[in-house]
Protein backbone atom coordinates (compact mmCIF):
# COMPACT_ATOMS: atom_id res chain seq x y z
CA SER A 1 -8.82 -13.61 -14.80
CA SER A 2 -6.00 -15.67 -13.81
CA GLY A 3 -4.48 -15.63 -17.44
CA ILE A 4 -4.06 -11.92 -17.81
CA THR A 5 -0.39 -10.54 -17.74
CA GLU A 6 0.71 -7.93 -15.50
CA ALA A 7 1.08 -5.10 -17.82
CA PRO A 8 -2.83 -4.72 -18.71
CA LYS A 9 -3.78 -5.04 -14.77
CA ALA A 10 -1.37 -2.09 -14.30
CA HIS A 11 -2.80 0.11 -17.23
CA ILE A 12 -6.35 -0.86 -16.06
CA THR A 13 -5.76 -0.07 -12.43
CA SER A 14 -3.94 3.09 -13.55
CA VAL A 15 -7.15 3.95 -15.51
CA MET A 16 -9.38 3.09 -12.55
CA LEU A 17 -7.50 5.01 -10.14
CA ALA A 18 -7.43 8.08 -12.43
CA LEU A 19 -11.21 7.83 -12.61
CA LEU A 20 -11.67 7.57 -8.86
CA ARG A 21 -9.50 10.73 -8.18
CA ASN A 22 -10.79 12.85 -10.80
CA GLN A 23 -14.66 11.69 -10.75
CA PRO A 24 -15.60 11.60 -7.00
CA LYS A 25 -18.93 10.15 -8.43
CA ALA A 26 -17.46 7.15 -9.71
CA ARG A 27 -16.44 5.84 -6.09
CA ALA A 28 -20.05 4.90 -5.78
CA LEU A 29 -19.87 2.66 -8.59
CA VAL A 30 -17.64 0.36 -6.48
CA ASN A 31 -19.60 -2.42 -5.36
CA ALA A 32 -18.44 -5.78 -3.29
CA ALA A 33 -17.26 -7.38 -6.40
CA VAL A 34 -14.68 -4.64 -7.23
CA LEU A 35 -13.72 -4.31 -3.50
CA ASP A 36 -12.88 -8.09 -3.73
CA LEU A 37 -10.87 -7.49 -6.74
CA LEU A 38 -8.98 -4.56 -5.32
CA LEU A 39 -8.09 -6.69 -2.24
CA ALA A 40 -7.35 -9.79 -4.37
CA LEU A 41 -4.75 -7.72 -6.58
CA LEU A 42 -3.17 -6.27 -3.49
CA LEU A 43 -2.77 -9.79 -1.64
CA THR A 44 -1.21 -11.72 -4.64
CA THR A 45 2.14 -12.77 -4.11
CA GLN A 46 4.66 -12.26 -6.87
CA ASP A 47 6.58 -15.45 -8.21
CA ASN A 48 8.49 -16.57 -11.08
CA ASN A 49 5.35 -16.79 -13.40
CA ILE A 50 4.60 -13.19 -13.24
CA ASP A 51 5.93 -10.89 -15.97
CA CYS A 52 7.43 -7.68 -15.60
CA SER A 53 7.43 -7.32 -11.83
CA THR A 54 7.61 -3.68 -11.92
CA LYS A 55 4.22 -3.73 -13.34
CA ASN A 56 3.13 -5.82 -10.45
CA VAL A 57 4.33 -3.39 -8.04
CA GLN A 58 2.25 -0.79 -10.16
CA THR A 59 -0.92 -2.89 -9.80
CA LYS A 60 -0.47 -3.19 -6.29
CA CYS A 61 -0.09 0.24 -5.58
CA ASN A 62 -2.82 1.44 -7.69
CA SER A 63 -4.88 -0.86 -5.78
CA ILE A 64 -3.61 0.29 -2.54
CA SER A 65 -4.37 4.14 -3.35
CA MET A 66 -7.90 2.94 -4.72
CA LEU A 67 -8.68 1.40 -1.41
CA GLY A 68 -7.24 4.41 0.27
CA LEU A 69 -9.61 6.92 -1.57
CA LEU A 70 -12.72 4.66 -1.14
CA CYS A 71 -11.85 4.78 2.64
CA SER A 72 -12.10 8.41 2.17
CA GLU A 73 -15.63 8.19 1.92
CA PRO A 74 -17.77 7.38 4.70
CA HIS A 75 -18.06 3.43 5.03
CA PRO A 76 -18.89 0.65 7.23
CA SER A 77 -16.92 -0.83 9.85
CA GLU A 78 -16.82 -4.19 8.33
CA ILE A 79 -15.51 -2.89 5.13
CA ASN A 80 -12.60 -0.76 7.18
CA THR A 81 -11.73 -4.07 8.83
CA ARG A 82 -11.23 -5.71 5.58
CA VAL A 83 -9.27 -2.94 3.86
CA CYS A 84 -7.08 -2.66 7.25
CA SER A 85 -6.55 -6.39 7.28
CA ALA A 86 -5.32 -6.51 3.65
CA LEU A 87 -3.24 -3.41 3.98
CA LEU A 88 -1.43 -4.73 7.22
CA GLU A 89 -1.02 -8.44 5.56
CA ARG A 90 0.58 -6.69 2.43
CA LEU A 91 2.82 -4.67 4.69
CA ARG A 92 4.22 -7.67 6.85
CA THR A 93 4.63 -9.62 3.54
CA PRO A 94 7.75 -9.14 1.80
CA LEU A 95 7.91 -9.66 -1.94
CA LEU A 96 9.53 -12.67 -3.43
CA SER A 97 12.60 -12.23 -5.73
CA LYS A 98 15.77 -14.17 -7.12
CA SER A 99 18.40 -14.36 -4.53
CA ASP A 100 21.03 -12.71 -6.82
CA GLU A 101 22.20 -9.25 -5.83
CA ALA A 102 20.65 -7.62 -8.58
CA GLY A 103 17.31 -9.28 -7.57
CA ASP A 104 17.62 -8.49 -3.84
CA SER A 105 18.29 -4.75 -4.81
CA GLU A 106 15.21 -4.86 -6.77
CA LYS A 107 13.15 -6.35 -4.22
CA THR A 108 14.01 -3.88 -1.80
CA ARG A 109 13.16 -1.06 -4.24
CA GLN A 110 9.82 -2.55 -5.10
CA SER A 111 8.95 -3.29 -1.31
CA LEU A 112 9.68 0.25 -0.21
CA VAL A 113 7.45 1.49 -3.12
CA ILE A 114 4.76 -0.56 -1.74
CA MET A 115 5.18 0.12 1.97
CA ASN A 116 5.29 3.74 1.14
CA GLU A 117 1.94 3.64 -0.22
CA ILE A 118 0.65 1.52 2.59
CA PHE A 119 2.02 3.91 5.28
CA ASN A 120 0.55 6.98 3.46
CA VAL A 121 -2.94 5.07 3.04
CA LEU A 122 -3.27 4.14 6.53
CA MET A 123 -2.17 7.40 7.98
CA ASP A 124 -4.94 8.94 5.63
CA MET A 125 -7.48 6.46 7.16
CA TYR A 126 -6.57 6.83 10.79
CA GLY A 127 -5.21 10.34 10.74
CA GLY A 128 -8.76 12.16 11.05
CA ASP A 129 -11.07 12.64 13.92
CA ASP A 130 -13.76 10.56 12.41
CA SER A 131 -11.64 7.74 11.66
CA HIS A 132 -12.49 4.00 12.57
CA ASP A 133 -10.74 4.23 15.78
CA VAL A 134 -12.11 0.89 17.10
CA VAL A 135 -10.64 -0.90 13.81
CA PHE A 136 -7.57 1.02 14.37
CA ALA A 137 -7.31 -0.43 17.76
CA ARG A 138 -8.41 -3.84 17.13
CA GLN A 139 -6.07 -4.45 14.29
CA ASP A 140 -3.24 -2.78 16.25
CA VAL A 141 -2.36 -0.70 13.29
CA LEU A 142 -0.16 1.58 15.66
CA GLY A 143 1.82 -1.50 16.56
CA HIS A 144 2.26 -2.72 12.78
CA ILE A 145 3.31 0.76 11.84
CA GLN A 146 5.81 1.07 14.93
CA ARG A 147 7.17 -2.72 13.94
CA CYS A 148 7.72 -1.85 10.31
CA LEU A 149 8.93 1.49 10.60
CA PRO A 150 12.51 0.48 11.36
CA GLY A 151 13.09 -2.03 8.59
CA PHE A 152 11.43 0.61 6.30
CA LYS A 153 14.22 3.06 7.39
CA ARG A 154 17.04 0.43 6.89
CA SER A 155 15.66 -0.55 3.71
CA ILE A 156 15.69 2.95 2.52
CA LYS A 157 19.64 3.29 3.25
CA LYS A 158 20.01 -0.02 1.55
CA ALA A 159 18.43 0.81 -1.58
CA GLY A 160 19.56 4.72 -1.31
CA ALA A 161 22.43 4.20 -3.94
CA SER A 162 20.18 2.38 -6.76
CA SER A 163 17.31 4.67 -6.37
CA GLY A 164 17.05 8.19 -7.65
CA ARG A 165 17.45 10.97 -5.07
CA GLU A 166 13.99 12.09 -5.24
CA VAL A 167 12.37 8.96 -4.87
CA VAL A 168 14.66 8.35 -1.60
CA GLU A 169 13.47 11.72 -0.24
CA THR A 170 9.94 10.87 -0.65
CA TRP A 171 10.66 7.64 1.40
CA LYS A 172 12.44 9.41 4.06
CA GLU A 173 9.66 11.99 4.45
CA THR A 174 7.02 9.35 4.64
CA ALA A 175 9.30 7.60 7.40
CA ILE A 176 9.45 11.02 9.24
CA ASN A 177 5.38 11.43 8.76
CA CYS A 178 5.08 7.98 10.22
CA SER A 179 7.24 8.83 13.28
CA ARG A 180 4.95 12.08 13.58
CA PHE A 181 1.84 9.99 13.37
CA ILE A 182 3.17 7.56 15.92
CA LYS A 183 3.55 10.28 18.43
CA TYR A 184 0.00 11.94 17.44
CA LYS A 185 -1.81 8.94 18.25
CA LYS A 186 0.09 8.16 21.42
CA GLU A 187 -0.91 11.64 22.67
CA GLY A 188 -4.50 11.16 21.35
């Protein structure tokens, strides 16, 4: 519902994610309507009318994780294409925020959280031998990762002072893994 605030969305998607992670049989319950909902939650842009932007980021990350879990199961190429397109679109789309310095810092941190999740899901989706290689090539996933990775690394440096050491280390590890993934895919 468009009238629902971000906090309930974040809580509901957290429960859904936990269910999908801990009850693999629940993955079969995801139908076209639920997939459409997850994609919509991922692609909805943040604006000034949305309350509690941290909850918005949590909702997006939960949706990204659920899409990654669902794509770890065998699925048709058409669904892989839809999920991949949505992930790449969100990867290319920065979050909106206020123009003040504190807002910019928070915007950078939130963007890093989302990008980190997307990079990890894309590497999981396309790192295996039985991944959708045709979709990977057609959607230019490798090119997207190569173009977005330098900005991700710059943003880590920018947000490093205002973020916790452990979080920054996680982002740096993802950046290293992306570099390795690029090398792996180029050699393969």
